[in-house]
C-alpha atoms as a PDB file:
ATOM      1  CA  MET A   1      21.830  -7.904 -12.121  1.00  0.00           C
ATOM      2  CA  LYS A   2      19.256  -5.338 -11.430  1.00  0.00           C
ATOM      3  CA  ARG A   3      15.934  -6.409 -12.777  1.00  0.00           C
ATOM      4  CA  ARG A   4      13.608  -2.593 -14.433  1.00  0.00           C
ATOM      5  CA  VAL A   5      11.086  -1.730 -12.842  1.00  0.00           C
ATOM      6  CA  THR A   6       8.159  -2.506 -15.034  1.00  0.00           C
ATOM      7  CA  LYS A   7       5.449  -2.253 -12.051  1.00  0.00           C
ATOM      8  CA  ALA A   8       3.554   0.759 -10.005  1.00  0.00           C
ATOM      9  CA  VAL A   9       1.373   1.227  -6.877  1.00  0.00           C
ATOM     10  CA  PHE A  10      -0.653   3.694  -6.530  1.00  0.00           C
ATOM     11  CA  PRO A  11      -2.769   3.846  -2.992  1.00  0.00           C
ATOM     12  CA  VAL A  12      -5.328   6.173  -3.264  1.00  0.00           C
ATOM     13  CA  ALA A  13      -7.805   3.890  -0.687  1.00  0.00           C
ATOM     14  CA  GLY A  14      -7.936   7.372   1.722  1.00  0.00           C
ATOM     15  CA  LEU A  15     -11.549   8.938   2.352  1.00  0.00           C
ATOM     16  CA  GLY A  16      -9.530  12.840   1.324  1.00  0.00           C
ATOM     17  CA  THR A  17     -12.069  14.397   4.019  1.00  0.00           C
ATOM     18  CA  ARG A  18      -9.964  17.487   4.079  1.00  0.00           C
ATOM     19  CA  PHE A  19     -11.622  18.471   0.686  1.00  0.00           C
ATOM     20  CA  LEU A  20     -15.571  17.201   2.076  1.00  0.00           C
ATOM     21  CA  PRO A  21     -18.006  17.668   0.886  1.00  0.00           C
ATOM     22  CA  ALA A  22     -16.496  17.066  -2.641  1.00  0.00           C
ATOM     23  CA  THR A  23     -15.184  14.209  -1.579  1.00  0.00           C
ATOM     24  CA  LYS A  24     -18.000  12.738  -0.461  1.00  0.00           C
ATOM     25  CA  SER A  25     -19.025  11.607  -3.986  1.00  0.00           C
ATOM     26  CA  ILE A  26     -15.976  12.052  -6.327  1.00  0.00           C
ATOM     27  CA  PRO A  27     -12.676  10.294  -5.323  1.00  0.00           C
ATOM     28  CA  LYS A  28     -10.146  12.707  -4.698  1.00  0.00           C
ATOM     29  CA  GLU A  29      -8.011  11.801  -6.981  1.00  0.00           C
ATOM     30  CA  ILE A  30      -9.723  12.551 -10.016  1.00  0.00           C
ATOM     31  CA  MET A  31     -10.395  15.519  -8.398  1.00  0.00           C
ATOM     32  CA  THR A  32      -9.033  17.976 -11.172  1.00  0.00           C
ATOM     33  CA  LEU A  33      -5.729  19.638 -11.798  1.00  0.00           C
ATOM     34  CA  VAL A  34      -6.532  22.547 -14.473  1.00  0.00           C
ATOM     35  CA  ASP A  35      -8.234  19.750 -17.000  1.00  0.00           C
ATOM     36  CA  ARG A  36      -6.384  16.302 -15.937  1.00  0.00           C
ATOM     37  CA  PRO A  37      -7.307  14.499 -12.542  1.00  0.00           C
ATOM     38  CA  LEU A  38      -4.849  13.974  -9.983  1.00  0.00           C
ATOM     39  CA  ILE A  39      -4.571  10.610 -10.692  1.00  0.00           C
ATOM     40  CA  GLN A  40      -3.650  11.209 -14.222  1.00  0.00           C
ATOM     41  CA  TYR A  41      -0.193  13.266 -13.302  1.00  0.00           C
ATOM     42  CA  ALA A  42       0.530  10.514 -11.515  1.00  0.00           C
ATOM     43  CA  ILE A  43      -0.344   7.532 -14.400  1.00  0.00           C
ATOM     44  CA  ASP A  44       1.907  10.377 -17.026  1.00  0.00           C
ATOM     45  CA  GLU A  45       4.453   9.967 -14.922  1.00  0.00           C
ATOM     46  CA  ALA A  46       4.772   6.080 -14.415  1.00  0.00           C
ATOM     47  CA  ARG A  47       4.046   6.076 -17.850  1.00  0.00           C
ATOM     48  CA  ALA A  48       7.584   8.154 -18.981  1.00  0.00           C
ATOM     49  CA  ALA A  49       9.365   5.596 -16.511  1.00  0.00           C
ATOM     50  CA  GLY A  50       9.031   2.700 -17.891  1.00  0.00           C
ATOM     51  CA  ILE A  51       6.172   1.342 -15.521  1.00  0.00           C
ATOM     52  CA  LYS A  52       4.151  -1.543 -17.396  1.00  0.00           C
ATOM     53  CA  GLU A  53       1.580  -2.382 -14.820  1.00  0.00           C
ATOM     54  CA  PHE A  54      -0.460  -0.436 -12.582  1.00  0.00           C
ATOM     55  CA  ILE A  55      -1.898  -1.371  -9.428  1.00  0.00           C
ATOM     56  CA  PHE A  56      -4.291   0.733  -7.440  1.00  0.00           C
ATOM     57  CA  VAL A  57      -4.695   0.037  -3.777  1.00  0.00           C
ATOM     58  CA  THR A  58      -8.583   0.602  -2.880  1.00  0.00           C
ATOM     59  CA  SER A  59     -11.303   1.432  -0.734  1.00  0.00           C
ATOM     60  CA  ARG A  60     -15.268   1.532  -1.094  1.00  0.00           C
ATOM     61  CA  GLY A  61     -16.523   4.179  -2.533  1.00  0.00           C
ATOM     62  CA  LYS A  62     -13.472   4.296  -5.066  1.00  0.00           C
ATOM     63  CA  GLY A  63     -15.804   2.936  -8.449  1.00  0.00           C
ATOM     64  CA  ALA A  64     -15.767   6.467 -10.335  1.00  0.00           C
ATOM     65  CA  LEU A  65     -11.914   6.169 -10.468  1.00  0.00           C
ATOM     66  CA  GLU A  66     -12.498   2.455 -11.769  1.00  0.00           C
ATOM     67  CA  ASP A  67     -14.439   4.032 -14.558  1.00  0.00           C
ATOM     68  CA  TYR A  68     -12.061   6.429 -15.318  1.00  0.00           C
ATOM     69  CA  PHE A  69      -9.569   4.745 -17.358  1.00  0.00           C
ATOM     70  CA  ASP A  70     -12.200   2.048 -19.234  1.00  0.00           C
ATOM     71  CA  HIS A  71     -12.877   3.140 -22.583  1.00  0.00           C
ATOM     72  CA  ALA A  72     -15.730   5.205 -23.558  1.00  0.00           C
ATOM     73  CA  PRO A  73     -17.049   4.085 -26.896  1.00  0.00           C
ATOM     74  CA  GLU A  74     -20.203   6.602 -26.725  1.00  0.00           C
ATOM     75  CA  LEU A  75     -18.343   9.825 -26.094  1.00  0.00           C
ATOM     76  CA  GLU A  76     -15.099   8.290 -28.923  1.00  0.00           C
ATOM     77  CA  THR A  77     -17.622   8.142 -31.194  1.00  0.00           C
ATOM     78  CA  SER A  78     -19.518  11.549 -30.734  1.00  0.00           C
ATOM     79  CA  LEU A  79     -16.467  13.415 -30.744  1.00  0.00           C
ATOM     80  CA  ARG A  80     -15.056  11.344 -34.039  1.00  0.00           C
ATOM     81  CA  LYS A  81     -18.335  12.422 -36.006  1.00  0.00           C
ATOM     82  CA  LYS A  82     -17.826  15.723 -35.100  1.00  0.00           C
ATOM     83  CA  GLY A  83     -13.725  15.713 -36.509  1.00  0.00           C
ATOM     84  CA  LYS A  84     -12.756  16.296 -33.125  1.00  0.00           C
ATOM     85  CA  LYS A  85      -9.118  14.599 -33.060  1.00  0.00           C
ATOM     86  CA  ASP A  86      -7.179  16.804 -30.158  1.00  0.00           C
ATOM     87  CA  LEU A  87     -10.015  15.370 -28.221  1.00  0.00           C
ATOM     88  CA  LEU A  88     -10.000  12.431 -28.760  1.00  0.00           C
ATOM     89  CA  ASN A  89      -6.011  11.964 -28.668  1.00  0.00           C
ATOM     90  CA  THR A  90      -6.431  13.418 -25.380  1.00  0.00           C
ATOM     91  CA  LEU A  91      -9.294  10.681 -24.304  1.00  0.00           C
ATOM     92  CA  LYS A  92      -6.543   8.080 -25.582  1.00  0.00           C
ATOM     93  CA  ASN A  93      -3.822   9.150 -22.223  1.00  0.00           C
ATOM     94  CA  THR A  94      -6.739   7.937 -19.838  1.00  0.00           C
ATOM     95  CA  ASN A  95      -7.299   4.646 -21.553  1.00  0.00           C
ATOM     96  CA  MET A  96      -5.339   1.540 -20.250  1.00  0.00           C
ATOM     97  CA  ASP A  97      -4.640  -1.374 -22.031  1.00  0.00           C
ATOM     98  CA  SER A  98      -6.452  -4.446 -20.931  1.00  0.00           C
ATOM     99  CA  GLY A  99      -4.762  -6.646 -18.378  1.00  0.00           C
ATOM    100  CA  ALA A 100      -2.107  -3.664 -17.675  1.00  0.00           C
ATOM    101  CA  ILE A 101      -3.853  -2.320 -14.434  1.00  0.00           C
ATOM    102  CA  ALA A 102      -5.570  -4.006 -11.319  1.00  0.00           C
ATOM    103  CA  TYR A 103      -7.411  -2.994  -8.149  1.00  0.00           C
ATOM    104  CA  ILE A 104      -6.882  -4.060  -4.793  1.00  0.00           C
ATOM    105  CA  ARG A 105      -9.057  -3.530  -1.670  1.00  0.00           C
ATOM    106  CA  GLN A 106      -7.523  -2.153   1.668  1.00  0.00           C
ATOM    107  CA  HIS A 107     -10.241  -2.846   3.931  1.00  0.00           C
ATOM    108  CA  LYS A 108      -9.014  -0.848   6.946  1.00  0.00           C
ATOM    109  CA  ALA A 109      -7.322   2.298   6.713  1.00  0.00           C
ATOM    110  CA  LEU A 110      -3.802   0.864   8.355  1.00  0.00           C
ATOM    111  CA  GLY A 111      -1.476   3.413   6.548  1.00  0.00           C
ATOM    112  CA  LEU A 112       0.859   3.589   3.952  1.00  0.00           C
ATOM    113  CA  GLY A 113       2.719   0.298   4.687  1.00  0.00           C
ATOM    114  CA  HIS A 114      -0.391  -2.035   5.200  1.00  0.00           C
ATOM    115  CA  ALA A 115      -1.679  -0.282   1.294  1.00  0.00           C
ATOM    116  CA  VAL A 116       1.681  -0.805  -0.189  1.00  0.00           C
ATOM    117  CA  TRP A 117       1.531  -4.888   1.779  1.00  0.00           C
ATOM    118  CA  CYS A 118      -2.547  -5.157   0.032  1.00  0.00           C
ATOM    119  CA  ALA A 119      -0.343  -5.590  -3.677  1.00  0.00           C
ATOM    120  CA  ARG A 120       2.386  -8.278  -2.423  1.00  0.00           C
ATOM    121  CA  ARG A 121       0.993 -10.740  -4.301  1.00  0.00           C
ATOM    122  CA  LEU A 122       0.863  -9.205  -7.717  1.00  0.00           C
ATOM    123  CA  ILE A 123       4.286  -7.513  -7.105  1.00  0.00           C
ATOM    124  CA  ALA A 124       6.144 -11.023  -6.154  1.00  0.00           C
ATOM    125  CA  ASN A 125       9.859 -10.925  -6.558  1.00  0.00           C
ATOM    126  CA  GLU A 126      10.487  -7.786  -8.607  1.00  0.00           C
ATOM    127  CA  PRO A 127      11.469  -4.101  -7.286  1.00  0.00           C
ATOM    128  CA  PHE A 128       8.894  -1.535  -8.065  1.00  0.00           C
ATOM    129  CA  ALA A 129       7.610   1.711  -7.423  1.00  0.00           C
ATOM    130  CA  VAL A 130       4.860   3.534  -5.112  1.00  0.00           C
ATOM    131  CA  ILE A 131       3.350   6.840  -6.045  1.00  0.00           C
ATOM    132  CA  LEU A 132       0.989   8.781  -4.362  1.00  0.00           C
ATOM    133  CA  PRO A 133      -0.914  11.153  -6.078  1.00  0.00           C
ATOM    134  CA  ASP A 134      -1.308  13.295  -3.504  1.00  0.00           C
ATOM    135  CA  ASP A 135       2.097  14.510  -4.898  1.00  0.00           C
ATOM    136  CA  VAL A 136       2.790  16.404  -7.652  1.00  0.00           C
ATOM    137  CA  ILE A 137       5.407  17.464  -9.253  1.00  0.00           C
ATOM    138  CA  ALA A 138       6.054  19.904 -11.822  1.00  0.00           C
ATOM    139  CA  ALA A 139       9.943  18.896 -13.461  1.00  0.00           C
ATOM    140  CA  GLU A 140      11.058  19.244 -17.130  1.00  0.00           C
ATOM    141  CA  LYS A 141      11.831  15.375 -16.580  1.00  0.00           C
ATOM    142  CA  PRO A 142       9.579  13.466 -14.864  1.00  0.00           C
ATOM    143  CA  CYS A 143      10.502  13.281 -11.041  1.00  0.00           C
ATOM    144  CA  LEU A 144      10.278   8.722 -11.426  1.00  0.00           C
ATOM    145  CA  GLN A 145      12.309   8.944 -14.281  1.00  0.00           C
ATOM    146  CA  GLN A 146      14.908  10.674 -12.945  1.00  0.00           C
ATOM    147  CA  MET A 147      14.935   7.879 -10.095  1.00  0.00           C
ATOM    148  CA  VAL A 148      14.240   5.222 -12.339  1.00  0.00           C
ATOM    149  CA  GLU A 149      17.521   6.435 -14.195  1.00  0.00           C
ATOM    150  CA  ALA A 150      19.650   6.795 -10.692  1.00  0.00           C
ATOM    151  CA  TYR A 151      18.401   3.231  -9.751  1.00  0.00           C
ATOM    152  CA  GLU A 152      19.823   1.432 -12.378  1.00  0.00           C
ATOM    153  CA  GLU A 153      22.836   2.616 -10.764  1.00  0.00           C
ATOM    154  CA  THR A 154      22.560   1.628  -7.369  1.00  0.00           C
ATOM    155  CA  GLY A 155      19.929  -0.920  -6.737  1.00  0.00           C
ATOM    156  CA  GLY A 156      18.777  -1.153  -3.391  1.00  0.00           C
ATOM    157  CA  CYS A 157      16.087   0.982  -1.893  1.00  0.00           C
ATOM    158  CA  MET A 158      15.603   4.793  -3.029  1.00  0.00           C
ATOM    159  CA  VAL A 159      13.259   7.357  -1.870  1.00  0.00           C
ATOM    160  CA  ALA A 160      12.106  11.214  -3.425  1.00  0.00           C
ATOM    161  CA  ALA A 161      13.912  13.544  -0.868  1.00  0.00           C
ATOM    162  CA  MET A 162      12.960  17.137  -0.565  1.00  0.00           C
ATOM    163  CA  GLU A 163      14.634  19.984   1.749  1.00  0.00           C
ATOM    164  CA  VAL A 164      11.912  21.185   3.913  1.00  0.00           C
ATOM    165  CA  PRO A 165      12.045  23.805   6.922  1.00  0.00           C
ATOM    166  CA  ALA A 166      12.960  22.628  10.513  1.00  0.00           C
ATOM    167  CA  GLU A 167       9.058  23.418  11.779  1.00  0.00           C
ATOM    168  CA  LYS A 168       7.596  21.427   8.821  1.00  0.00           C
ATOM    169  CA  ALA A 169       9.704  17.882   9.999  1.00  0.00           C
ATOM    170  CA  PRO A 170       6.933  16.590  11.946  1.00  0.00           C
ATOM    171  CA  SER A 171       4.931  15.869   9.021  1.00  0.00           C
ATOM    172  CA  TYR A 172       7.226  13.877   7.136  1.00  0.00           C
ATOM    173  CA  GLY A 173       9.475  10.980   7.083  1.00  0.00           C
ATOM    174  CA  VAL A 174      12.963  12.452   7.853  1.00  0.00           C
ATOM    175  CA  LEU A 175      16.387  11.157   6.844  1.00  0.00           C
ATOM    176  CA  ASP A 176      19.152  10.022   8.783  1.00  0.00           C
ATOM    177  CA  VAL A 177      21.674  11.090   6.406  1.00  0.00           C
ATOM    178  CA  LYS A 178      25.536   8.797   6.257  1.00  0.00           C
ATOM    179  CA  GLU A 179      26.716  10.295   3.284  1.00  0.00           C
ATOM    180  CA  ASP A 180      25.376  12.916   1.206  1.00  0.00           C
ATOM    181  CA  MET A 181      26.774  12.988  -2.659  1.00  0.00           C
ATOM    182  CA  GLY A 182      25.271  15.280  -4.000  1.00  0.00           C
ATOM    183  CA  SER A 183      21.643  14.155  -5.828  1.00  0.00           C
ATOM    184  CA  MET A 184      22.196  11.116  -4.525  1.00  0.00           C
ATOM    185  CA  VAL A 185      22.265  10.316  -0.163  1.00  0.00           C
ATOM    186  CA  SER A 186      23.219   7.469   1.274  1.00  0.00           C
ATOM    187  CA  VAL A 187      20.604   6.963   4.707  1.00  0.00           C
ATOM    188  CA  GLN A 188      21.543   5.598   7.285  1.00  0.00           C
ATOM    189  CA  GLY A 189      18.247   5.683   9.132  1.00  0.00           C
ATOM    190  CA  MET A 190      14.804   7.416   8.920  1.00  0.00           C
ATOM    191  CA  VAL A 191      12.697   8.829  11.291  1.00  0.00           C
ATOM    192  CA  GLU A 192       8.710   9.293  10.729  1.00  0.00           C
ATOM    193  CA  LYS A 193       6.946  12.574  12.063  1.00  0.00           C
ATOM    194  CA  PRO A 194       9.951  13.580  13.942  1.00  0.00           C
ATOM    195  CA  SER A 195       9.690  16.254  16.501  1.00  0.00           C
ATOM    196  CA  MET A 196      11.752  19.365  15.274  1.00  0.00           C
ATOM    197  CA  GLU A 197      14.260  18.954  18.020  1.00  0.00           C
ATOM    198  CA  GLU A 198      14.798  15.313  16.571  1.00  0.00           C
ATOM    199  CA  ALA A 199      14.970  15.828  13.094  1.00  0.00           C
ATOM    200  CA  PRO A 200      18.008  14.385  12.076  1.00  0.00           C
ATOM    201  CA  SER A 201      18.645  16.446   8.698  1.00  0.00           C
ATOM    202  CA  ASN A 202      15.676  18.683   6.864  1.00  0.00           C
ATOM    203  CA  LEU A 203      15.715  15.916   3.924  1.00  0.00           C
ATOM    204  CA  ALA A 204      12.391  15.151   4.178  1.00  0.00           C
ATOM    205  CA  VAL A 205      10.517  12.026   2.633  1.00  0.00           C
ATOM    206  CA  ILE A 206       7.959  12.669  -0.396  1.00  0.00           C
ATOM    207  CA  GLY A 207       5.514  10.072  -1.968  1.00  0.00           C
ATOM    208  CA  ARG A 208       7.755   8.323  -4.853  1.00  0.00           C
ATOM    209  CA  TYR A 209       9.929   5.426  -3.796  1.00  0.00           C
ATOM    210  CA  ILE A 210      11.268   2.376  -5.319  1.00  0.00           C
ATOM    211  CA  LEU A 211      11.513  -0.832  -3.353  1.00  0.00           C
ATOM    212  CA  THR A 212      12.727  -4.075  -2.995  1.00  0.00           C
ATOM    213  CA  PRO A 213      10.383  -7.016  -2.723  1.00  0.00           C
ATOM    214  CA  GLN A 214      12.200  -7.340   0.616  1.00  0.00           C
ATOM    215  CA  VAL A 215      10.327  -3.937   1.321  1.00  0.00           C
ATOM    216  CA  LEU A 216       7.432  -6.457   1.444  1.00  0.00           C
ATOM    217  CA  GLN A 217       8.575  -9.192   3.617  1.00  0.00           C
ATOM    218  CA  ASN A 218       9.469  -6.634   6.362  1.00  0.00           C
ATOM    219  CA  LEU A 219       5.656  -5.338   6.286  1.00  0.00           C
ATOM    220  CA  ASN A 220       4.927  -8.486   6.874  1.00  0.00           C
ATOM    221  CA  LYS A 221       6.640  -8.617  10.517  1.00  0.00           C
ATOM    222  CA  ILE A 222       5.642  -5.148  11.280  1.00  0.00           C
ATOM    223  CA  LYS A 223       3.297  -3.739  14.408  1.00  0.00           C
ATOM    224  CA  GLN A 224       1.279  -0.770  14.342  1.00  0.00           C
ATOM    225  CA  GLY A 225       3.581   1.857  14.516  1.00  0.00           C
ATOM    226  CA  ALA A 226       3.154   6.239  14.453  1.00  0.00           C
ATOM    227  CA  GLY A 227      -0.418   7.076  14.866  1.00  0.00           C
ATOM    228  CA  GLY A 228      -1.273   3.572  15.008  1.00  0.00           C
ATOM    229  CA  GLU A 229      -0.645   2.581  11.538  1.00  0.00           C
ATOM    230  CA  ILE A 230       1.342   0.394   9.472  1.00  0.00           C
ATOM    231  CA  GLN A 231       4.635   2.528   8.291  1.00  0.00           C
ATOM    232  CA  LEU A 232       6.514   2.196   5.427  1.00  0.00           C
ATOM    233  CA  THR A 233       8.939   3.859   6.565  1.00  0.00           C
ATOM    234  CA  ASP A 234       9.615   1.604   9.140  1.00  0.00           C
ATOM    235  CA  ALA A 235       9.792  -1.530   7.078  1.00  0.00           C
ATOM    236  CA  ILE A 236      12.418   0.713   4.712  1.00  0.00           C
ATOM    237  CA  ALA A 237      14.492   1.425   8.217  1.00  0.00           C
ATOM    238  CA  GLN A 238      14.635  -2.643   8.286  1.00  0.00           C
ATOM    239  CA  GLU A 239      16.210  -2.378   5.121  1.00  0.00           C
ATOM    240  CA  ILE A 240      19.032   0.105   6.722  1.00  0.00           C
ATOM    241  CA  ALA A 241      19.534  -2.433   9.985  1.00  0.00           C
ATOM    242  CA  ALA A 242      19.877  -5.105   7.460  1.00  0.00           C
ATOM    243  CA  GLU A 243      22.917  -3.272   6.003  1.00  0.00           C
ATOM    244  CA  ARG A 244      21.124  -3.423   2.687  1.00  0.00           C
ATOM    245  CA  ASP A 245      21.859   0.002   0.676  1.00  0.00           C
ATOM    246  CA  VAL A 246      18.454   2.829   1.240  1.00  0.00           C
ATOM    247  CA  TYR A 247      19.148   5.995  -1.193  1.00  0.00           C
ATOM    248  CA  GLY A 248      17.203   9.503  -0.617  1.00  0.00           C
ATOM    249  CA  TYR A 249      17.275  11.106  -4.099  1.00  0.00           C
ATOM    250  CA  ARG A 250      16.808  14.985  -4.311  1.00  0.00           C
ATOM    251  CA  PHE A 251      14.526  15.469  -7.202  1.00  0.00           C
ATOM    252  CA  ARG A 252      15.009  18.175  -9.684  1.00  0.00           C
ATOM    253  CA  GLY A 253      11.063  19.979 -10.051  1.00  0.00           C
ATOM    254  CA  GLN A 254       8.543  21.522  -7.763  1.00  0.00           C
ATOM    255  CA  ARG A 255       6.404  19.506  -5.618  1.00  0.00           C
ATOM    256  CA  PHE A 256       2.880  20.103  -4.529  1.00  0.00           C
ATOM    257  CA  ASP A 257       1.074  18.698  -1.505  1.00  0.00           C
ATOM    258  CA  CYS A 258      -2.089  18.421  -3.438  1.00  0.00           C
ATOM    259  CA  GLY A 259      -3.636  16.694  -0.136  1.00  0.00           C
ATOM    260  CA  SER A 260      -3.624  20.291   1.786  1.00  0.00           C
ATOM    261  CA  LYS A 261      -6.611  22.829   0.042  1.00  0.00           C
ATOM    262  CA  ALA A 262      -3.454  25.651   0.120  1.00  0.00           C
ATOM    263  CA  GLY A 263      -1.095  22.987  -1.361  1.00  0.00           C
ATOM    264  CA  TYR A 264      -4.015  22.236  -4.326  1.00  0.00           C
ATOM    265  CA  LEU A 265      -4.326  25.924  -5.226  1.00  0.00           C
ATOM    266  CA  GLN A 266      -1.161  26.085  -5.356  1.00  0.00           C
ATOM    267  CA  ALA A 267      -0.280  23.711  -7.860  1.00  0.00           C
ATOM    268  CA  THR A 268      -3.566  25.006  -9.611  1.00  0.00           C
ATOM    269  CA  VAL A 269      -1.702  28.306 -10.206  1.00  0.00           C
ATOM    270  CA  ALA A 270       1.433  27.042 -11.002  1.00  0.00           C
ATOM    271  CA  PHE A 271      -0.041  24.527 -13.667  1.00  0.00           C
ATOM    272  CA  GLY A 272      -2.468  26.746 -14.911  1.00  0.00           C
ATOM    273  CA  LEU A 273       0.724  29.514 -15.277  1.00  0.00           C
ATOM    274  CA  SER A 274       2.569  26.386 -17.584  1.00  0.00           C
ATOM    275  CA  ARG A 275       0.007  26.270 -20.054  1.00  0.00           C
ATOM    276  CA  PRO A 276       0.183  28.524 -23.098  1.00  0.00           C
ATOM    277  CA  GLU A 277      -3.270  28.518 -23.918  1.00  0.00           C
ATOM    278  CA  LEU A 278      -4.291  29.980 -20.108  1.00  0.00           C
ATOM    279  CA  ARG A 279      -1.216  31.702 -19.494  1.00  0.00           C
ATOM    280  CA  ASP A 280      -1.686  35.250 -20.180  1.00  0.00           C
ATOM    281  CA  GLU A 281      -5.587  35.507 -19.676  1.00  0.00           C
ATOM    282  CA  PHE A 282      -4.641  33.940 -16.279  1.00  0.00           C
ATOM    283  CA  ASP A 283      -1.593  36.258 -15.500  1.00  0.00           C
ATOM    284  CA  ALA A 284      -3.378  39.444 -16.216  1.00  0.00           C
ATOM    285  CA  TYR A 285      -6.033  38.218 -13.860  1.00  0.00           C
ATOM    286  CA  LEU A 286      -3.744  37.166 -10.624  1.00  0.00           C
ATOM    287  CA  ALA A 287      -2.180  40.599 -11.081  1.00  0.00           C
ATOM    288  CA  GLU A 288      -5.646  42.061 -11.113  1.00  0.00           C
ATOM    289  CA  MET A 289      -6.517  40.268  -8.034  1.00  0.00           C
ATOM    290  CA  SER A 290      -2.948  41.144  -6.191  1.00  0.00           C
ATOM    291  CA  SER A 291      -3.454  45.467  -7.025  1.00  0.00           C
ATOM    292  CA  LEU A 292      -7.340  45.490  -6.002  1.00  0.00           C
ATOM    293  CA  ARG A 293      -5.961  43.167  -2.546  1.00  0.00           C
ATOM    294  CA  LYS A 294      -3.136  45.802  -2.297  1.00  0.00           C
ATOM    295  CA  ALA A 295      -5.541  49.027  -2.673  1.00  0.00           C
ATOM    296  CA  ALA A 296      -7.480  47.300  -0.132  1.00  0.00           C
ATOM    297  CA  GLU A 297      -4.997  46.961   2.207  1.00  0.00           C
END
C-alpha cells in the first residue's frame, strides 16, 4: 500500500547571487512576483497537493523568510479596525499553523542533494516532495497536485519533466527514457548537465520531485558529483540501477525560471496579465512599449 505524500522539502539556502544587490538584504525566495513572494507560490502549490508538513532547508541570513510565515498581530489589528477584510484574508494565506513548518540549516553549500539530505530526520521513512521555489509554474491544476495524483497510481520516484531545445540540455538533468506513455515516461537513466551531443533525450528535469525515503539512504553514500556538489540526480539514478521505478511526468502548465533575471521578468509579465484587475492597464502599457520600440527601429 502506497503512503500519501504529506511532507515537502523546500531547499532555500542559496545566496541568490544572480539578483545582487537586491539579495544582499532580502532572501531571493521572498522577492515578489506581482504581489506575492516566490515562496508563497510554492507553498500554495504544496497545499493544493495535500502537503501538511513544510520543511525549509535554510542558511545564514534567511531570517526574513522565517518571519514571513509568522503572524503579524499589529498589522492584523490595524486592518481589522479599518474593516479591510479582503487584506485580512490575504494575510491568512501567509500564516502557517504552529508545528506545520520546520527550519533546518544547511551549513555548507554542497548542492541540492545535500540540502535534501539535511532534512532526513524530519522525513524519516515516508515518501516526500521536493519543491524548488525558483521554478514557478502557471497551471490550471497545480503541478505538484498533478504529480501526486499520478503517483497514487504508480508509486516509486517521480520527477517533473519538460521538453527543452537541445542547446539548453547542459543546464538540466536530462532523462534517458525507457518507455514513453504520454504524460508519463518510464526512466532508465538520468544525466546531470550533459553536453548537447550526449543528452539522451530532450526531456529535462525541473524543480518538482516525489521521492521515496530510499533516496535519502542513497544520498548518505554519495560523494561529490558534477560541479563538486552532491547531486540529487545521482541519488535518483541509483534507484534506477537498483531496478526500482522512476518516472518522468510531463506536467500541464508553463514553467518560469525565476532563478534568472530574464525568467523572472517573463513571469512578472505573464502573472501580471493573468490578474483581471491589472490586465487591461498592463496590456495597454506593453502594447505602447512595443510600438515605441518598433518606431525606434
